[in-house]
Amino acid sequence: MRFVLLLVLFATGCGASAAEPAGYPDEVRSLYSAMKWPPDVRPDLEALIKATAPAQGEQGFARQALAVVNTCAWYRSWDAAVVRGDQAHAATALDAIEHLVTRYPPEADTAGRRFVRDAAAKASSGDPALVRDYVDANCFDTTWV
């Protein structure tokens, strides 16, 4: 599966210790506030912070975790809009899928970059298969509000 690397990036932050590293919650909240989110799909931020907090002394998980969860949010929003026939909302979510989500994987992650480009192309043609595959593999433990 092409999306395994994204799942691995997210999972690395899930083995958190009971104590969150100093500053991690603020880092997540700051990054969250700076990101564009769909109006209908938002993560429970406090649950996300607890689920992704790295072990004491480790850093770098906030940006990765939020990129995965933001991708989940836009994919879920687009899919729900398509299913209910809301063309305006689907178009807004598709724009984010094509122009925002495709920027998340690092340059060195060629498989991840290819996956989000392929998912955007398929979504643009009305095919939800890759979007749904990603959501099933990467969004199953995210709490949504």
N, C-alpha and C. Protein backbone atom coordinates (compact mmCIF):
# COMPACT_ATOMS: atom_id res chain seq x y z
N MET A 1 0.84 -1.18 0.00
CA MET A 1 0.00 0.00 0.00
C MET A 1 0.88 1.24 0.00
N ARG A 2 0.51 2.18 -0.84
CA ARG A 2 1.32 3.38 -1.00
C ARG A 2 1.25 4.31 0.19
N PHE A 3 0.20 4.26 0.97
CA PHE A 3 0.02 5.20 2.06
C PHE A 3 0.62 4.72 3.37
N VAL A 4 1.33 3.62 3.33
CA VAL A 4 1.91 3.07 4.54
C VAL A 4 2.88 4.05 5.18
N LEU A 5 3.70 4.75 4.37
CA LEU A 5 4.67 5.67 4.93
C LEU A 5 3.97 6.77 5.72
N LEU A 6 2.87 7.30 5.21
CA LEU A 6 2.15 8.33 5.96
C LEU A 6 1.62 7.77 7.26
N LEU A 7 1.15 6.54 7.23
CA LEU A 7 0.67 5.90 8.45
C LEU A 7 1.82 5.71 9.43
N VAL A 8 2.99 5.34 8.93
CA VAL A 8 4.15 5.16 9.80
C VAL A 8 4.53 6.49 10.44
N LEU A 9 4.51 7.57 9.67
CA LEU A 9 4.83 8.88 10.23
C LEU A 9 3.87 9.24 11.35
N PHE A 10 2.59 8.97 11.15
CA PHE A 10 1.60 9.27 12.17
C PHE A 10 1.77 8.36 13.37
N ALA A 11 2.00 7.08 13.12
CA ALA A 11 2.09 6.12 14.21
C ALA A 11 3.30 6.38 15.10
N THR A 12 4.37 6.94 14.54
CA THR A 12 5.54 7.19 15.36
C THR A 12 5.23 8.15 16.49
N GLY A 13 4.25 9.00 16.33
CA GLY A 13 3.88 9.91 17.38
C GLY A 13 2.87 9.35 18.35
N CYS A 14 2.34 8.17 18.07
CA CYS A 14 1.28 7.62 18.90
C CYS A 14 1.76 6.84 20.11
N GLY A 15 3.03 6.56 20.20
CA GLY A 15 3.54 5.81 21.35
C GLY A 15 3.99 6.76 22.43
N ALA A 16 3.19 7.73 22.72
CA ALA A 16 3.59 8.80 23.63
C ALA A 16 3.65 8.33 25.07
N SER A 17 4.53 8.97 25.79
CA SER A 17 4.58 8.73 27.23
C SER A 17 3.44 9.50 27.89
N ALA A 18 3.21 9.25 29.15
CA ALA A 18 2.11 9.91 29.85
C ALA A 18 2.33 11.42 29.94
N ALA A 19 3.57 11.86 30.03
CA ALA A 19 3.86 13.28 30.13
C ALA A 19 4.19 13.84 28.75
N GLU A 20 3.48 14.88 28.36
CA GLU A 20 3.75 15.51 27.07
C GLU A 20 5.01 16.34 27.18
N PRO A 21 5.79 16.37 26.09
CA PRO A 21 6.97 17.24 26.11
C PRO A 21 6.53 18.70 26.28
N ALA A 22 7.34 19.44 26.98
CA ALA A 22 7.04 20.86 27.19
C ALA A 22 6.90 21.54 25.84
N GLY A 23 5.86 22.30 25.68
CA GLY A 23 5.67 23.07 24.46
C GLY A 23 4.93 22.35 23.35
N TYR A 24 4.82 21.02 23.41
CA TYR A 24 4.17 20.28 22.33
C TYR A 24 2.70 20.70 22.15
N PRO A 25 1.89 20.78 23.20
CA PRO A 25 0.51 21.20 23.00
C PRO A 25 0.41 22.59 22.34
N ASP A 26 1.26 23.51 22.76
CA ASP A 26 1.24 24.85 22.15
C ASP A 26 1.66 24.80 20.69
N GLU A 27 2.64 23.95 20.38
CA GLU A 27 3.10 23.81 19.00
C GLU A 27 1.96 23.28 18.13
N VAL A 28 1.26 22.27 18.60
CA VAL A 28 0.15 21.69 17.85
C VAL A 28 -0.96 22.73 17.66
N ARG A 29 -1.31 23.42 18.74
CA ARG A 29 -2.37 24.44 18.64
C ARG A 29 -2.00 25.55 17.66
N SER A 30 -0.75 25.98 17.69
CA SER A 30 -0.29 27.03 16.79
C SER A 30 -0.33 26.57 15.33
N LEU A 31 0.18 25.39 15.08
CA LEU A 31 0.14 24.86 13.71
C LEU A 31 -1.29 24.65 13.24
N TYR A 32 -2.13 24.12 14.13
CA TYR A 32 -3.55 23.89 13.80
C TYR A 32 -4.21 25.21 13.39
N SER A 33 -3.96 26.26 14.16
CA SER A 33 -4.57 27.56 13.87
C SER A 33 -4.10 28.15 12.55
N ALA A 34 -2.90 27.81 12.14
CA ALA A 34 -2.35 28.35 10.90
C ALA A 34 -2.80 27.56 9.66
N MET A 35 -3.40 26.40 9.86
CA MET A 35 -3.80 25.55 8.73
C MET A 35 -5.23 25.84 8.31
N LYS A 36 -5.50 25.57 7.04
CA LYS A 36 -6.85 25.67 6.49
C LYS A 36 -7.55 24.32 6.72
N TRP A 37 -8.73 24.37 7.32
CA TRP A 37 -9.50 23.16 7.63
C TRP A 37 -10.87 23.25 6.97
N PRO A 38 -11.46 22.11 6.60
CA PRO A 38 -12.82 22.15 6.08
C PRO A 38 -13.78 22.54 7.21
N PRO A 39 -14.85 23.22 6.88
CA PRO A 39 -15.77 23.66 7.95
C PRO A 39 -16.54 22.51 8.61
N ASP A 40 -16.64 21.38 7.94
CA ASP A 40 -17.48 20.29 8.45
C ASP A 40 -16.72 19.14 9.08
N VAL A 41 -15.39 19.13 8.99
CA VAL A 41 -14.61 18.02 9.54
C VAL A 41 -13.41 18.60 10.28
N ARG A 42 -13.45 18.51 11.60
CA ARG A 42 -12.37 19.02 12.44
C ARG A 42 -11.98 17.97 13.47
N PRO A 43 -10.68 17.84 13.73
CA PRO A 43 -10.27 16.89 14.77
C PRO A 43 -10.50 17.47 16.16
N ASP A 44 -10.67 16.59 17.12
CA ASP A 44 -10.69 16.97 18.52
C ASP A 44 -9.23 17.27 18.87
N LEU A 45 -8.91 18.53 18.99
CA LEU A 45 -7.52 18.95 19.14
C LEU A 45 -6.87 18.40 20.41
N GLU A 46 -7.58 18.41 21.50
CA GLU A 46 -7.00 17.90 22.76
C GLU A 46 -6.73 16.40 22.66
N ALA A 47 -7.65 15.65 22.06
CA ALA A 47 -7.44 14.21 21.87
C ALA A 47 -6.26 13.98 20.93
N LEU A 48 -6.13 14.80 19.90
CA LEU A 48 -5.02 14.68 18.96
C LEU A 48 -3.68 14.93 19.66
N ILE A 49 -3.64 15.94 20.50
CA ILE A 49 -2.41 16.25 21.23
C ILE A 49 -2.00 15.05 22.09
N LYS A 50 -2.96 14.47 22.80
CA LYS A 50 -2.65 13.32 23.66
C LYS A 50 -2.22 12.11 22.85
N ALA A 51 -2.86 11.90 21.70
CA ALA A 51 -2.56 10.71 20.89
C ALA A 51 -1.24 10.80 20.16
N THR A 52 -0.76 12.00 19.90
CA THR A 52 0.44 12.14 19.07
C THR A 52 1.65 12.68 19.82
N ALA A 53 1.51 12.99 21.09
CA ALA A 53 2.64 13.57 21.84
C ALA A 53 3.81 12.60 21.84
N PRO A 54 4.98 13.07 21.41
CA PRO A 54 6.16 12.21 21.41
C PRO A 54 6.69 12.02 22.82
N ALA A 55 7.54 11.05 22.95
CA ALA A 55 8.18 10.81 24.25
C ALA A 55 8.98 12.03 24.66
N GLN A 56 9.19 12.17 25.94
CA GLN A 56 9.94 13.30 26.50
C GLN A 56 11.27 13.47 25.75
N GLY A 57 11.55 14.69 25.33
CA GLY A 57 12.81 14.99 24.68
C GLY A 57 12.79 14.84 23.16
N GLU A 58 11.78 14.20 22.61
CA GLU A 58 11.68 14.05 21.16
C GLU A 58 10.89 15.21 20.59
N GLN A 59 11.19 15.56 19.34
CA GLN A 59 10.50 16.67 18.68
C GLN A 59 10.19 16.29 17.24
N GLY A 60 9.39 17.14 16.60
CA GLY A 60 9.16 16.99 15.18
C GLY A 60 7.90 16.25 14.79
N PHE A 61 7.07 15.87 15.73
CA PHE A 61 5.88 15.10 15.39
C PHE A 61 4.67 15.98 15.08
N ALA A 62 4.63 17.18 15.56
CA ALA A 62 3.44 18.02 15.41
C ALA A 62 3.11 18.27 13.94
N ARG A 63 4.07 18.69 13.17
CA ARG A 63 3.83 19.00 11.76
C ARG A 63 3.38 17.75 11.00
N GLN A 64 4.03 16.62 11.24
CA GLN A 64 3.65 15.37 10.57
C GLN A 64 2.24 14.93 10.96
N ALA A 65 1.96 14.96 12.25
CA ALA A 65 0.64 14.53 12.72
C ALA A 65 -0.46 15.41 12.15
N LEU A 66 -0.25 16.72 12.15
CA LEU A 66 -1.27 17.62 11.62
C LEU A 66 -1.42 17.49 10.11
N ALA A 67 -0.35 17.23 9.40
CA ALA A 67 -0.45 17.02 7.95
C ALA A 67 -1.31 15.80 7.64
N VAL A 68 -1.11 14.72 8.38
CA VAL A 68 -1.91 13.52 8.17
C VAL A 68 -3.37 13.78 8.53
N VAL A 69 -3.62 14.40 9.65
CA VAL A 69 -4.99 14.64 10.09
C VAL A 69 -5.69 15.67 9.19
N ASN A 70 -4.97 16.67 8.72
CA ASN A 70 -5.57 17.64 7.80
C ASN A 70 -5.92 16.97 6.48
N THR A 71 -5.06 16.08 6.01
CA THR A 71 -5.37 15.31 4.80
C THR A 71 -6.63 14.48 5.03
N CYS A 72 -6.71 13.81 6.17
CA CYS A 72 -7.91 13.05 6.52
C CYS A 72 -9.16 13.93 6.48
N ALA A 73 -9.06 15.10 7.06
CA ALA A 73 -10.21 16.00 7.14
C ALA A 73 -10.68 16.41 5.75
N TRP A 74 -9.75 16.82 4.88
CA TRP A 74 -10.15 17.23 3.53
C TRP A 74 -10.68 16.06 2.73
N TYR A 75 -10.07 14.89 2.85
CA TYR A 75 -10.57 13.71 2.13
C TYR A 75 -11.97 13.34 2.62
N ARG A 76 -12.17 13.33 3.92
CA ARG A 76 -13.49 12.99 4.47
C ARG A 76 -14.54 14.02 4.04
N SER A 77 -14.16 15.29 4.08
CA SER A 77 -15.09 16.36 3.70
C SER A 77 -15.51 16.23 2.24
N TRP A 78 -14.53 15.99 1.35
CA TRP A 78 -14.83 15.84 -0.07
C TRP A 78 -15.74 14.64 -0.30
N ASP A 79 -15.39 13.50 0.29
CA ASP A 79 -16.16 12.28 0.08
C ASP A 79 -17.61 12.46 0.57
N ALA A 80 -17.77 13.06 1.73
CA ALA A 80 -19.13 13.27 2.26
C ALA A 80 -19.93 14.22 1.36
N ALA A 81 -19.28 15.26 0.85
CA ALA A 81 -19.97 16.21 -0.03
C ALA A 81 -20.39 15.53 -1.33
N VAL A 82 -19.53 14.69 -1.89
CA VAL A 82 -19.87 13.96 -3.12
C VAL A 82 -21.05 13.03 -2.86
N VAL A 83 -21.01 12.29 -1.76
CA VAL A 83 -22.07 11.34 -1.44
C VAL A 83 -23.42 12.05 -1.29
N ARG A 84 -23.42 13.23 -0.67
CA ARG A 84 -24.70 13.92 -0.48
C ARG A 84 -25.07 14.83 -1.66
N GLY A 85 -24.21 14.89 -2.68
CA GLY A 85 -24.51 15.68 -3.88
C GLY A 85 -24.30 17.17 -3.72
N ASP A 86 -23.50 17.58 -2.76
CA ASP A 86 -23.22 19.00 -2.52
C ASP A 86 -22.02 19.42 -3.39
N GLN A 87 -22.32 19.85 -4.61
CA GLN A 87 -21.27 20.15 -5.58
C GLN A 87 -20.39 21.32 -5.16
N ALA A 88 -20.96 22.32 -4.55
CA ALA A 88 -20.18 23.49 -4.13
C ALA A 88 -19.17 23.10 -3.06
N HIS A 89 -19.62 22.36 -2.06
CA HIS A 89 -18.71 21.94 -0.99
C HIS A 89 -17.67 20.96 -1.52
N ALA A 90 -18.08 20.06 -2.41
CA ALA A 90 -17.14 19.11 -3.01
C ALA A 90 -16.05 19.85 -3.79
N ALA A 91 -16.43 20.90 -4.49
CA ALA A 91 -15.45 21.67 -5.27
C ALA A 91 -14.44 22.37 -4.36
N THR A 92 -14.91 22.91 -3.25
CA THR A 92 -14.01 23.56 -2.30
C THR A 92 -13.02 22.55 -1.71
N ALA A 93 -13.54 21.38 -1.31
CA ALA A 93 -12.68 20.34 -0.74
C ALA A 93 -11.72 19.80 -1.80
N LEU A 94 -12.19 19.64 -3.03
CA LEU A 94 -11.32 19.16 -4.09
C LEU A 94 -10.18 20.14 -4.36
N ASP A 95 -10.46 21.43 -4.29
CA ASP A 95 -9.41 22.43 -4.46
C ASP A 95 -8.33 22.25 -3.39
N ALA A 96 -8.74 22.01 -2.16
CA ALA A 96 -7.76 21.78 -1.08
C ALA A 96 -7.00 20.48 -1.31
N ILE A 97 -7.67 19.45 -1.79
CA ILE A 97 -7.01 18.17 -2.08
C ILE A 97 -5.96 18.35 -3.17
N GLU A 98 -6.28 19.14 -4.16
CA GLU A 98 -5.35 19.32 -5.29
C GLU A 98 -4.22 20.29 -4.99
N HIS A 99 -4.48 21.32 -4.18
CA HIS A 99 -3.48 22.38 -4.01
C HIS A 99 -2.88 22.51 -2.61
N LEU A 100 -3.49 21.90 -1.62
CA LEU A 100 -2.98 21.98 -0.25
C LEU A 100 -2.38 20.64 0.17
N VAL A 101 -3.18 19.61 0.13
CA VAL A 101 -2.77 18.28 0.59
C VAL A 101 -1.56 17.77 -0.20
N THR A 102 -1.48 18.10 -1.46
CA THR A 102 -0.38 17.61 -2.29
C THR A 102 0.97 18.21 -1.89
N ARG A 103 0.96 19.25 -1.07
CA ARG A 103 2.21 19.86 -0.61
C ARG A 103 2.74 19.24 0.68
N TYR A 104 1.97 18.40 1.34
CA TYR A 104 2.38 17.88 2.65
C TYR A 104 3.55 16.91 2.63
N PRO A 105 3.55 15.89 1.78
CA PRO A 105 4.68 14.96 1.87
C PRO A 105 6.01 15.66 1.56
N PRO A 106 7.05 15.35 2.32
CA PRO A 106 8.36 15.96 2.06
C PRO A 106 8.87 15.58 0.66
N GLU A 107 9.71 16.40 0.09
CA GLU A 107 10.28 16.14 -1.24
C GLU A 107 10.88 14.74 -1.31
N ALA A 108 11.54 14.30 -0.26
CA ALA A 108 12.21 12.99 -0.27
C ALA A 108 11.22 11.82 -0.25
N ASP A 109 9.98 12.07 0.10
CA ASP A 109 8.96 11.02 0.16
C ASP A 109 8.27 10.90 -1.20
N THR A 110 8.96 10.30 -2.14
CA THR A 110 8.42 10.22 -3.50
C THR A 110 7.13 9.38 -3.55
N ALA A 111 7.06 8.32 -2.78
CA ALA A 111 5.85 7.49 -2.78
C ALA A 111 4.66 8.27 -2.20
N GLY A 112 4.89 8.99 -1.11
CA GLY A 112 3.82 9.79 -0.52
C GLY A 112 3.36 10.90 -1.45
N ARG A 113 4.31 11.57 -2.10
CA ARG A 113 3.96 12.64 -3.04
C ARG A 113 3.17 12.08 -4.23
N ARG A 114 3.60 10.93 -4.72
CA ARG A 114 2.88 10.31 -5.84
C ARG A 114 1.47 9.92 -5.40
N PHE A 115 1.34 9.37 -4.19
CA PHE A 115 0.02 8.96 -3.72
C PHE A 115 -0.95 10.15 -3.66
N VAL A 116 -0.53 11.26 -3.04
CA VAL A 116 -1.47 12.39 -2.91
C VAL A 116 -1.79 13.00 -4.28
N ARG A 117 -0.84 12.98 -5.20
CA ARG A 117 -1.13 13.46 -6.56
C ARG A 117 -2.13 12.52 -7.25
N ASP A 118 -1.90 11.21 -7.11
CA ASP A 118 -2.82 10.23 -7.71
C ASP A 118 -4.21 10.33 -7.08
N ALA A 119 -4.27 10.49 -5.77
CA ALA A 119 -5.56 10.62 -5.08
C ALA A 119 -6.29 11.87 -5.57
N ALA A 120 -5.56 12.97 -5.74
CA ALA A 120 -6.17 14.21 -6.24
C ALA A 120 -6.69 14.02 -7.65
N ALA A 121 -5.92 13.37 -8.51
CA ALA A 121 -6.35 13.14 -9.90
C ALA A 121 -7.60 12.26 -9.94
N LYS A 122 -7.60 11.21 -9.14
CA LYS A 122 -8.77 10.32 -9.11
C LYS A 122 -9.99 11.04 -8.54
N ALA A 123 -9.79 11.81 -7.47
CA ALA A 123 -10.92 12.56 -6.90
C ALA A 123 -11.45 13.54 -7.92
N SER A 124 -10.57 14.19 -8.66
CA SER A 124 -10.99 15.14 -9.68
C SER A 124 -11.85 14.49 -10.75
N SER A 125 -11.59 13.21 -11.02
CA SER A 125 -12.39 12.49 -12.01
C SER A 125 -13.62 11.83 -11.39
N GLY A 126 -13.80 12.03 -10.07
CA GLY A 126 -14.97 11.49 -9.38
C GLY A 126 -14.76 10.14 -8.74
N ASP A 127 -13.54 9.61 -8.79
CA ASP A 127 -13.24 8.30 -8.23
C ASP A 127 -12.74 8.45 -6.79
N PRO A 128 -13.51 7.97 -5.80
CA PRO A 128 -13.12 8.13 -4.40
C PRO A 128 -12.21 7.04 -3.85
N ALA A 129 -11.77 6.09 -4.67
CA ALA A 129 -11.07 4.91 -4.16
C ALA A 129 -9.82 5.24 -3.34
N LEU A 130 -8.91 6.05 -3.86
CA LEU A 130 -7.68 6.35 -3.13
C LEU A 130 -7.95 7.21 -1.90
N VAL A 131 -8.89 8.12 -2.01
CA VAL A 131 -9.27 8.95 -0.86
C VAL A 131 -9.77 8.06 0.26
N ARG A 132 -10.64 7.15 -0.06
CA ARG A 132 -11.20 6.24 0.94
C ARG A 132 -10.14 5.29 1.49
N ASP A 133 -9.23 4.82 0.63
CA ASP A 133 -8.14 3.97 1.10
C ASP A 133 -7.29 4.70 2.14
N TYR A 134 -6.97 5.95 1.86
CA TYR A 134 -6.15 6.74 2.78
C TYR A 134 -6.88 6.93 4.11
N VAL A 135 -8.15 7.30 4.04
CA VAL A 135 -8.93 7.53 5.26
C VAL A 135 -9.01 6.24 6.08
N ASP A 136 -9.27 5.13 5.43
CA ASP A 136 -9.36 3.86 6.14
C ASP A 136 -8.04 3.49 6.83
N ALA A 137 -6.93 3.80 6.17
CA ALA A 137 -5.63 3.38 6.69
C ALA A 137 -5.04 4.37 7.71
N ASN A 138 -5.40 5.65 7.60
CA ASN A 138 -4.71 6.66 8.38
C ASN A 138 -5.57 7.46 9.36
N CYS A 139 -6.87 7.34 9.27
CA CYS A 139 -7.74 8.21 10.04
C CYS A 139 -8.60 7.46 11.05
N PHE A 140 -8.39 6.18 11.18
CA PHE A 140 -9.27 5.35 11.98
C PHE A 140 -9.26 5.69 13.46
N ASP A 141 -8.17 6.24 13.98
CA ASP A 141 -8.13 6.52 15.41
C ASP A 141 -8.20 8.01 15.74
N THR A 142 -8.52 8.82 14.74
CA THR A 142 -8.68 10.26 14.99
C THR A 142 -10.08 10.51 15.52
N THR A 143 -10.17 11.30 16.58
CA THR A 143 -11.46 11.69 17.13
C THR A 143 -11.87 13.00 16.45
N TRP A 144 -13.07 13.02 15.91
CA TRP A 144 -13.57 14.20 15.19
C TRP A 144 -14.66 14.89 16.00
N VAL A 145 -14.72 16.22 15.87
CA VAL A 145 -15.77 16.99 16.57
C VAL A 145 -16.79 17.49 15.57
